[in-house]
Amino acid sequence: QVQLVESGGGLVQAGGSLRLACTARGTYFTKYAMGWFRQPLGKERQFVAARRWSGEIEYTDSVKGRFTISGDVAKSTVTLQMDNLKSEDTATYYCAARGRGGFGNHSNDYDYWGQGTQVTVSS
């Protein structure tokens, strides 16, 4: 059984920072990519950022220059440093892992999911 365990969510004022962390535990699987999605209340899940095992990184346009994804996919860890947070960043954030070749920015590109952690940015 695979578990993605997230930590680091919370409440912050606009302009502040938060750092999310994710670790994969349980049954070993080869991880080709790990990333973060978010789901605002009442909306669909959205891609935020992802990191491939080779180091390749992709961000959604709205977080470029504010969010930084780092970690070691081969070691099953990924973090998301979120700076200059805005009210529109408020959402439940999910860690995701891809256990097959390739890379993607859609929900169905990922095979394993964390339970989600809430990020709330007050204006």
C-alpha atoms as a PDB file:
ATOM      1  CA  GLN A   1       0.000   0.000   0.000  1.00  0.00           C
ATOM      2  CA  VAL A   2       1.298   3.424  -0.948  1.00  0.00           C
ATOM      3  CA  GLN A   3       0.780   6.489   1.216  1.00  0.00           C
ATOM      4  CA  LEU A   4       1.647  10.065   0.396  1.00  0.00           C
ATOM      5  CA  VAL A   5       1.873  12.015   3.632  1.00  0.00           C
ATOM      6  CA  GLU A   6       1.593  15.804   3.433  1.00  0.00           C
ATOM      7  CA  SER A   7       2.355  18.439   6.020  1.00  0.00           C
ATOM      8  CA  GLY A   8       2.696  22.201   6.300  1.00  0.00           C
ATOM      9  CA  GLY A   9      -0.667  23.712   5.463  1.00  0.00           C
ATOM     10  CA  GLY A  10      -2.259  26.454   7.523  1.00  0.00           C
ATOM     11  CA  LEU A  11      -3.586  29.988   7.686  1.00  0.00           C
ATOM     12  CA  VAL A  12      -1.454  32.904   6.518  1.00  0.00           C
ATOM     13  CA  GLN A  13      -2.006  36.538   5.598  1.00  0.00           C
ATOM     14  CA  ALA A  14      -1.674  37.675   2.013  1.00  0.00           C
ATOM     15  CA  GLY A  15       1.972  38.244   1.166  1.00  0.00           C
ATOM     16  CA  GLY A  16       3.095  35.584   3.610  1.00  0.00           C
ATOM     17  CA  SER A  17       4.746  32.220   3.046  1.00  0.00           C
ATOM     18  CA  LEU A  18       4.072  28.555   3.707  1.00  0.00           C
ATOM     19  CA  ARG A  19       6.049  25.413   2.987  1.00  0.00           C
ATOM     20  CA  LEU A  20       4.377  22.115   2.129  1.00  0.00           C
ATOM     21  CA  ALA A  21       6.165  18.779   2.352  1.00  0.00           C
ATOM     22  CA  CYS A  22       5.275  15.330   1.040  1.00  0.00           C
ATOM     23  CA  THR A  23       6.821  11.921   1.631  1.00  0.00           C
ATOM     24  CA  ALA A  24       5.857   8.642  -0.012  1.00  0.00           C
ATOM     25  CA  ARG A  25       5.682   5.649   2.321  1.00  0.00           C
ATOM     26  CA  GLY A  26       4.662   2.029   2.162  1.00  0.00           C
ATOM     27  CA  THR A  27       5.031  -0.277  -0.806  1.00  0.00           C
ATOM     28  CA  TYR A  28       7.965   0.755  -2.930  1.00  0.00           C
ATOM     29  CA  PHE A  29       7.305   1.899  -6.476  1.00  0.00           C
ATOM     30  CA  THR A  30       9.451   3.663  -9.017  1.00  0.00           C
ATOM     31  CA  LYS A  31       8.509   7.320  -9.010  1.00  0.00           C
ATOM     32  CA  TYR A  32       8.868   9.100 -12.299  1.00  0.00           C
ATOM     33  CA  ALA A  33       7.451  12.372 -11.045  1.00  0.00           C
ATOM     34  CA  MET A  34       5.986  13.981  -7.952  1.00  0.00           C
ATOM     35  CA  GLY A  35       3.979  17.128  -7.775  1.00  0.00           C
ATOM     36  CA  TRP A  36       1.270  19.269  -6.266  1.00  0.00           C
ATOM     37  CA  PHE A  37      -2.305  19.987  -7.256  1.00  0.00           C
ATOM     38  CA  ARG A  38      -4.858  22.164  -5.511  1.00  0.00           C
ATOM     39  CA  GLN A  39      -8.612  22.267  -5.331  1.00  0.00           C
ATOM     40  CA  PRO A  40     -10.408  25.447  -4.310  1.00  0.00           C
ATOM     41  CA  LEU A  41     -13.780  24.926  -2.684  1.00  0.00           C
ATOM     42  CA  GLY A  42     -16.376  24.115  -5.311  1.00  0.00           C
ATOM     43  CA  LYS A  43     -13.881  23.959  -8.157  1.00  0.00           C
ATOM     44  CA  GLU A  44     -11.988  21.265 -10.034  1.00  0.00           C
ATOM     45  CA  ARG A  45      -8.542  20.061  -9.059  1.00  0.00           C
ATOM     46  CA  GLN A  46      -5.813  22.206 -10.649  1.00  0.00           C
ATOM     47  CA  PHE A  47      -2.175  21.527 -11.445  1.00  0.00           C
ATOM     48  CA  VAL A  48       0.295  23.623  -9.427  1.00  0.00           C
ATOM     49  CA  ALA A  49       3.805  22.228  -9.944  1.00  0.00           C
ATOM     50  CA  ALA A  50       5.641  18.976 -10.581  1.00  0.00           C
ATOM     51  CA  ARG A  51       9.176  17.664 -10.574  1.00  0.00           C
ATOM     52  CA  ARG A  52      10.423  14.786 -12.699  1.00  0.00           C
ATOM     53  CA  TRP A  53      13.002  12.286 -11.423  1.00  0.00           C
ATOM     54  CA  SER A  54      15.482  13.854 -13.863  1.00  0.00           C
ATOM     55  CA  GLY A  55      15.016  17.287 -12.294  1.00  0.00           C
ATOM     56  CA  GLU A  56      12.700  18.723 -14.946  1.00  0.00           C
ATOM     57  CA  ILE A  57      10.176  21.095 -13.363  1.00  0.00           C
ATOM     58  CA  GLU A  58       6.883  22.564 -14.495  1.00  0.00           C
ATOM     59  CA  TYR A  59       4.695  25.241 -12.886  1.00  0.00           C
ATOM     60  CA  THR A  60       1.290  26.557 -13.693  1.00  0.00           C
ATOM     61  CA  ASP A  61       1.513  30.166 -14.866  1.00  0.00           C
ATOM     62  CA  SER A  62      -0.252  31.693 -11.855  1.00  0.00           C
ATOM     63  CA  VAL A  63       2.429  30.523  -9.395  1.00  0.00           C
ATOM     64  CA  LYS A  64       5.579  31.142 -11.442  1.00  0.00           C
ATOM     65  CA  GLY A  65       7.987  33.355  -9.549  1.00  0.00           C
ATOM     66  CA  ARG A  66       6.163  32.762  -6.244  1.00  0.00           C
ATOM     67  CA  PHE A  67       6.229  28.990  -5.690  1.00  0.00           C
ATOM     68  CA  THR A  68       9.253  26.702  -5.762  1.00  0.00           C
ATOM     69  CA  ILE A  69       9.119  22.920  -5.948  1.00  0.00           C
ATOM     70  CA  SER A  70      12.127  20.985  -4.727  1.00  0.00           C
ATOM     71  CA  GLY A  71      13.053  17.622  -3.339  1.00  0.00           C
ATOM     72  CA  ASP A  72      14.315  14.291  -4.535  1.00  0.00           C
ATOM     73  CA  VAL A  73      11.797  12.220  -6.448  1.00  0.00           C
ATOM     74  CA  ALA A  74      14.034   9.147  -6.257  1.00  0.00           C
ATOM     75  CA  LYS A  75      14.017   9.504  -2.473  1.00  0.00           C
ATOM     76  CA  SER A  76      10.252   9.991  -2.419  1.00  0.00           C
ATOM     77  CA  THR A  77      10.203  13.529  -1.055  1.00  0.00           C
ATOM     78  CA  VAL A  78       8.993  16.779  -2.543  1.00  0.00           C
ATOM     79  CA  THR A  79       8.374  20.196  -1.033  1.00  0.00           C
ATOM     80  CA  LEU A  80       6.532  23.277  -2.212  1.00  0.00           C
ATOM     81  CA  GLN A  81       7.760  26.647  -0.959  1.00  0.00           C
ATOM     82  CA  MET A  82       4.974  29.176  -1.417  1.00  0.00           C
ATOM     83  CA  ASP A  83       5.885  32.863  -1.139  1.00  0.00           C
ATOM     84  CA  ASN A  84       3.898  36.046  -1.686  1.00  0.00           C
ATOM     85  CA  LEU A  85       0.687  34.120  -1.183  1.00  0.00           C
ATOM     86  CA  LYS A  86      -2.542  35.548  -2.502  1.00  0.00           C
ATOM     87  CA  SER A  87      -6.155  34.957  -1.506  1.00  0.00           C
ATOM     88  CA  GLU A  88      -6.685  33.056  -4.755  1.00  0.00           C
ATOM     89  CA  ASP A  89      -4.128  30.487  -3.583  1.00  0.00           C
ATOM     90  CA  THR A  90      -6.613  29.339  -0.934  1.00  0.00           C
ATOM     91  CA  ALA A  91      -7.354  25.656  -1.574  1.00  0.00           C
ATOM     92  CA  THR A  92      -6.782  22.120  -0.425  1.00  0.00           C
ATOM     93  CA  TYR A  93      -3.359  21.105  -1.696  1.00  0.00           C
ATOM     94  CA  TYR A  94      -2.670  17.515  -2.740  1.00  0.00           C
ATOM     95  CA  CYS A  95       0.622  15.738  -3.252  1.00  0.00           C
ATOM     96  CA  ALA A  96       0.706  13.362  -6.216  1.00  0.00           C
ATOM     97  CA  ALA A  97       3.108  10.751  -7.547  1.00  0.00           C
ATOM     98  CA  ARG A  98       3.431   9.155 -10.959  1.00  0.00           C
ATOM     99  CA  GLY A  99       4.496   5.539 -11.064  1.00  0.00           C
ATOM    100  CA  ARG A 100       4.972   5.186 -14.827  1.00  0.00           C
ATOM    101  CA  GLY A 101       7.121   6.782 -17.465  1.00  0.00           C
ATOM    102  CA  GLY A 102       6.461  10.261 -18.755  1.00  0.00           C
ATOM    103  CA  PHE A 103       5.429  13.520 -17.172  1.00  0.00           C
ATOM    104  CA  GLY A 104       2.227  15.498 -17.050  1.00  0.00           C
ATOM    105  CA  ASN A 105       0.136  18.256 -15.558  1.00  0.00           C
ATOM    106  CA  HIS A 106      -3.281  16.633 -15.475  1.00  0.00           C
ATOM    107  CA  SER A 107      -4.827  14.728 -12.597  1.00  0.00           C
ATOM    108  CA  ASN A 108      -5.017  11.518 -14.614  1.00  0.00           C
ATOM    109  CA  ASP A 109      -1.253  11.686 -15.214  1.00  0.00           C
ATOM    110  CA  TYR A 110      -0.718  10.722 -11.560  1.00  0.00           C
ATOM    111  CA  ASP A 111      -1.331   7.415  -9.847  1.00  0.00           C
ATOM    112  CA  TYR A 112      -1.102   8.124  -6.111  1.00  0.00           C
ATOM    113  CA  TRP A 113      -2.501  10.926  -4.009  1.00  0.00           C
ATOM    114  CA  GLY A 114      -2.146  12.330  -0.522  1.00  0.00           C
ATOM    115  CA  GLN A 115      -5.053  13.145   1.738  1.00  0.00           C
ATOM    116  CA  GLY A 116      -4.739  16.878   1.180  1.00  0.00           C
ATOM    117  CA  THR A 117      -3.709  19.786   3.370  1.00  0.00           C
ATOM    118  CA  GLN A 118      -5.608  23.064   3.665  1.00  0.00           C
ATOM    119  CA  VAL A 119      -3.980  26.363   2.768  1.00  0.00           C
ATOM    120  CA  THR A 120      -5.963  29.486   3.611  1.00  0.00           C
ATOM    121  CA  VAL A 121      -4.734  32.955   2.684  1.00  0.00           C
ATOM    122  CA  SER A 122      -6.534  35.850   4.318  1.00  0.00           C
ATOM    123  CA  SER A 123      -6.657  39.200   2.559  1.00  0.00           C
END
